[in-house]
C-alpha atoms as a PDB file:
ATOM      1  CA  MET A   1      43.047  79.313  52.305  1.00  0.00           C
ATOM      2  CA  GLY A   2      40.315  77.900  50.117  1.00  0.00           C
ATOM      3  CA  TYR A   3      37.919  79.362  47.608  1.00  0.00           C
ATOM      4  CA  SER A   4      34.266  78.636  47.168  1.00  0.00           C
ATOM      5  CA  ALA A   5      31.987  80.178  44.586  1.00  0.00           C
ATOM      6  CA  ARG A   6      29.363  80.708  47.299  1.00  0.00           C
ATOM      7  CA  ARG A   7      31.518  81.867  50.201  1.00  0.00           C
ATOM      8  CA  GLY A   8      34.526  83.339  48.477  1.00  0.00           C
ATOM      9  CA  PHE A   9      37.900  82.999  50.133  1.00  0.00           C
ATOM     10  CA  SER A  10      37.928  81.444  53.560  1.00  0.00           C
ATOM     11  CA  SER A  11      40.612  80.947  56.147  1.00  0.00           C
ATOM     12  CA  GLY A  12      39.756  77.286  56.404  1.00  0.00           C
ATOM     13  CA  GLY A  13      37.654  77.736  59.525  1.00  0.00           C
ATOM     14  CA  MET A  14      34.333  76.023  59.602  1.00  0.00           C
ATOM     15  CA  LYS A  15      31.147  77.330  61.090  1.00  0.00           C
ATOM     16  CA  ALA A  16      29.917  75.582  64.196  1.00  0.00           C
ATOM     17  CA  THR A  17      27.280  72.995  63.519  1.00  0.00           C
ATOM     18  CA  GLY A  18      23.972  72.980  65.341  1.00  0.00           C
ATOM     19  CA  ALA A  19      25.191  70.177  67.593  1.00  0.00           C
ATOM     20  CA  GLN A  20      28.349  72.118  68.449  1.00  0.00           C
ATOM     21  CA  ARG A  21      26.367  75.258  69.274  1.00  0.00           C
ATOM     22  CA  GLN A  22      24.003  73.211  71.424  1.00  0.00           C
ATOM     23  CA  ALA A  23      26.925  71.618  73.284  1.00  0.00           C
ATOM     24  CA  GLU A  24      28.442  75.048  73.890  1.00  0.00           C
ATOM     25  CA  MET A  25      25.121  76.364  75.184  1.00  0.00           C
ATOM     26  CA  GLN A  26      24.722  73.380  77.503  1.00  0.00           C
ATOM     27  CA  GLN A  27      28.221  73.960  78.838  1.00  0.00           C
ATOM     28  CA  LYS A  28      27.441  77.637  79.491  1.00  0.00           C
ATOM     29  CA  ILE A  29      24.188  76.690  81.253  1.00  0.00           C
ATOM     30  CA  ALA A  30      26.032  74.155  83.408  1.00  0.00           C
ATOM     31  CA  GLN A  31      28.588  76.817  84.357  1.00  0.00           C
ATOM     32  CA  MET A  32      25.788  79.247  85.221  1.00  0.00           C
ATOM     33  CA  GLN A  33      24.056  76.609  87.347  1.00  0.00           C
ATOM     34  CA  GLU A  34      27.297  75.968  89.249  1.00  0.00           C
ATOM     35  CA  ALA A  35      27.778  79.684  89.852  1.00  0.00           C
ATOM     36  CA  MET A  36      24.170  80.046  90.975  1.00  0.00           C
ATOM     37  CA  ALA A  37      24.473  77.119  93.385  1.00  0.00           C
ATOM     38  CA  ALA A  38      27.639  78.617  94.885  1.00  0.00           C
ATOM     39  CA  ALA A  39      26.015  82.043  95.238  1.00  0.00           C
ATOM     40  CA  GLN A  40      22.903  80.483  96.787  1.00  0.00           C
ATOM     41  CA  GLY A  41      25.060  78.636  99.311  1.00  0.00           C
ATOM     42  CA  GLU A  42      26.803  81.859 100.264  1.00  0.00           C
ATOM     43  CA  VAL A  43      23.520  83.676 100.858  1.00  0.00           C
ATOM     44  CA  GLU A  44      22.037  80.725 102.753  1.00  0.00           C
ATOM     45  CA  ALA A  45      25.014  80.793 105.128  1.00  0.00           C
ATOM     46  CA  ARG A  46      24.461  84.463 105.985  1.00  0.00           C
ATOM     47  CA  THR A  47      22.398  85.783 108.875  1.00  0.00           C
ATOM     48  CA  PHE A  48      19.958  88.671 108.488  1.00  0.00           C
ATOM     49  CA  ALA A  49      18.678  90.697 111.433  1.00  0.00           C
ATOM     50  CA  ALA A  50      15.952  93.282 111.750  1.00  0.00           C
ATOM     51  CA  SER A  51      14.799  95.245 114.747  1.00  0.00           C
ATOM     52  CA  VAL A  52      11.577  97.180 115.187  1.00  0.00           C
ATOM     53  CA  GLY A  53       9.940  99.332 117.819  1.00  0.00           C
ATOM     54  CA  GLY A  54      13.108 101.250 118.483  1.00  0.00           C
ATOM     55  CA  GLY A  55      15.079  98.054 118.925  1.00  0.00           C
ATOM     56  CA  VAL A  56      12.818  96.392 121.502  1.00  0.00           C
ATOM     57  CA  VAL A  57      12.174  93.406 119.219  1.00  0.00           C
ATOM     58  CA  GLU A  58      14.811  91.824 116.999  1.00  0.00           C
ATOM     59  CA  ALA A  59      14.556  88.818 114.709  1.00  0.00           C
ATOM     60  CA  GLN A  60      17.351  86.888 113.032  1.00  0.00           C
ATOM     61  CA  VAL A  61      16.907  84.608 110.033  1.00  0.00           C
ATOM     62  CA  ASN A  62      19.330  82.838 107.754  1.00  0.00           C
ATOM     63  CA  GLY A  63      19.429  82.842 103.968  1.00  0.00           C
ATOM     64  CA  LYS A  64      17.401  79.635 103.958  1.00  0.00           C
ATOM     65  CA  LYS A  65      14.555  81.720 105.449  1.00  0.00           C
ATOM     66  CA  GLU A  66      14.697  79.894 108.758  1.00  0.00           C
ATOM     67  CA  LEU A  67      13.982  81.897 111.905  1.00  0.00           C
ATOM     68  CA  LEU A  68      17.044  81.638 114.129  1.00  0.00           C
ATOM     69  CA  SER A  69      16.090  83.835 117.071  1.00  0.00           C
ATOM     70  CA  VAL A  70      13.712  86.442 118.413  1.00  0.00           C
ATOM     71  CA  SER A  71      14.885  88.860 121.061  1.00  0.00           C
ATOM     72  CA  ILE A  72      12.369  90.877 123.085  1.00  0.00           C
ATOM     73  CA  LYS A  73      13.446  93.521 125.593  1.00  0.00           C
ATOM     74  CA  PRO A  74      11.461  93.562 128.840  1.00  0.00           C
ATOM     75  CA  GLU A  75      10.092  97.053 128.208  1.00  0.00           C
ATOM     76  CA  ALA A  76       8.257  95.692 125.150  1.00  0.00           C
ATOM     77  CA  VAL A  77       6.197  93.345 127.309  1.00  0.00           C
ATOM     78  CA  ASP A  78       2.950  94.984 128.346  1.00  0.00           C
ATOM     79  CA  PRO A  79       0.346  92.504 129.610  1.00  0.00           C
ATOM     80  CA  GLU A  80      -2.310  95.057 128.721  1.00  0.00           C
ATOM     81  CA  ASP A  81      -1.220  95.200 125.050  1.00  0.00           C
ATOM     82  CA  VAL A  82      -0.104  91.760 123.887  1.00  0.00           C
ATOM     83  CA  GLU A  83      -1.281  92.498 120.345  1.00  0.00           C
ATOM     84  CA  MET A  84       1.309  95.241 119.922  1.00  0.00           C
ATOM     85  CA  LEU A  85       4.087  92.844 120.926  1.00  0.00           C
ATOM     86  CA  GLN A  86       2.772  90.246 118.489  1.00  0.00           C
ATOM     87  CA  ASP A  87       2.740  92.847 115.712  1.00  0.00           C
ATOM     88  CA  LEU A  88       6.310  93.858 116.527  1.00  0.00           C
ATOM     89  CA  VAL A  89       7.490  90.233 116.351  1.00  0.00           C
ATOM     90  CA  VAL A  90       5.743  89.677 113.018  1.00  0.00           C
ATOM     91  CA  SER A  91       7.199  92.926 111.638  1.00  0.00           C
ATOM     92  CA  ALA A  92      10.734  92.066 112.719  1.00  0.00           C
ATOM     93  CA  VAL A  93      10.555  88.546 111.249  1.00  0.00           C
ATOM     94  CA  ASN A  94       9.072  89.795 107.971  1.00  0.00           C
ATOM     95  CA  GLU A  95      11.739  92.487 107.617  1.00  0.00           C
ATOM     96  CA  ALA A  96      14.560  90.006 108.225  1.00  0.00           C
ATOM     97  CA  LEU A  97      13.026  87.631 105.652  1.00  0.00           C
ATOM     98  CA  ARG A  98      12.718  90.492 103.164  1.00  0.00           C
ATOM     99  CA  GLN A  99      16.430  91.237 103.610  1.00  0.00           C
ATOM    100  CA  ALA A 100      17.265  87.583 102.937  1.00  0.00           C
ATOM    101  CA  ASP A 101      15.072  87.622  99.800  1.00  0.00           C
ATOM    102  CA  GLU A 102      16.741  90.779  98.510  1.00  0.00           C
ATOM    103  CA  ALA A 103      20.203  89.334  99.087  1.00  0.00           C
ATOM    104  CA  MET A 104      19.285  86.160  97.174  1.00  0.00           C
ATOM    105  CA  GLU A 105      17.766  88.139  94.295  1.00  0.00           C
ATOM    106  CA  ALA A 106      20.810  90.391  94.080  1.00  0.00           C
ATOM    107  CA  SER A 107      23.139  87.406  94.141  1.00  0.00           C
ATOM    108  CA  MET A 108      21.238  85.580  91.401  1.00  0.00           C
ATOM    109  CA  GLY A 109      20.790  88.763  89.368  1.00  0.00           C
ATOM    110  CA  SER A 110      24.535  89.330  89.274  1.00  0.00           C
ATOM    111  CA  ILE A 111      24.988  85.879  87.731  1.00  0.00           C
ATOM    112  CA  THR A 112      22.087  85.841  85.307  1.00  0.00           C
ATOM    113  CA  GLY A 113      22.409  89.461  84.285  1.00  0.00           C
ATOM    114  CA  GLY A 114      18.813  90.095  85.309  1.00  0.00           C
ATOM    115  CA  LEU A 115      17.365  87.351  83.092  1.00  0.00           C
ATOM    116  CA  ASN A 116      14.192  85.759  84.409  1.00  0.00           C
ATOM    117  CA  LEU A 117      15.053  82.075  84.280  1.00  0.00           C
ATOM    118  CA  GLY A 118      12.198  80.861  86.458  1.00  0.00           C
ATOM    119  CA  GLY A 119      10.627  78.979  83.551  1.00  0.00           C
ATOM    120  CA  PHE A 120      13.797  76.925  83.196  1.00  0.00           C
ATOM    121  CA  GLY A 121      13.836  75.883  86.844  1.00  0.00           C
ATOM    122  CA  LEU A 122      16.920  77.985  87.559  1.00  0.00           C
END
C-alpha cells in the first residue's frame, strides 16, 4: 500500500489509461457486433407467415425479407374483382414483412438495450 499526498493511501492499483479504456470499449463493441450478427442470422433463418381475407390468401417471407410463397385459395379468385385479390396479396405480403421487421428489431433491441446505433453502422 502506498501513500501519495494527492491521492492518499492506495492499494497499489492504477487507474486505466485512456488507451486501456479505448481497448476495452473496442472489445465490448466487437462482442456486441458478434452477438448482433448471430441474432441477425437467427432471425434471417426464420419464416414468417401472414394470412388475410379469412385465410384465403397467405404469404410467407423469411427474415431476409424475401418472399418465399403466396398461397391463394380458389374461392378468392373472382374474375370480376381482380383488384380485391391483388389487394389481399399485397396485404398478406406486407403483414409478413412487418412481422419479420418486428422480430429483427426485438432481437437487436435485446442486445443493444434499446440503444439507437444506426449512426455507427450497427
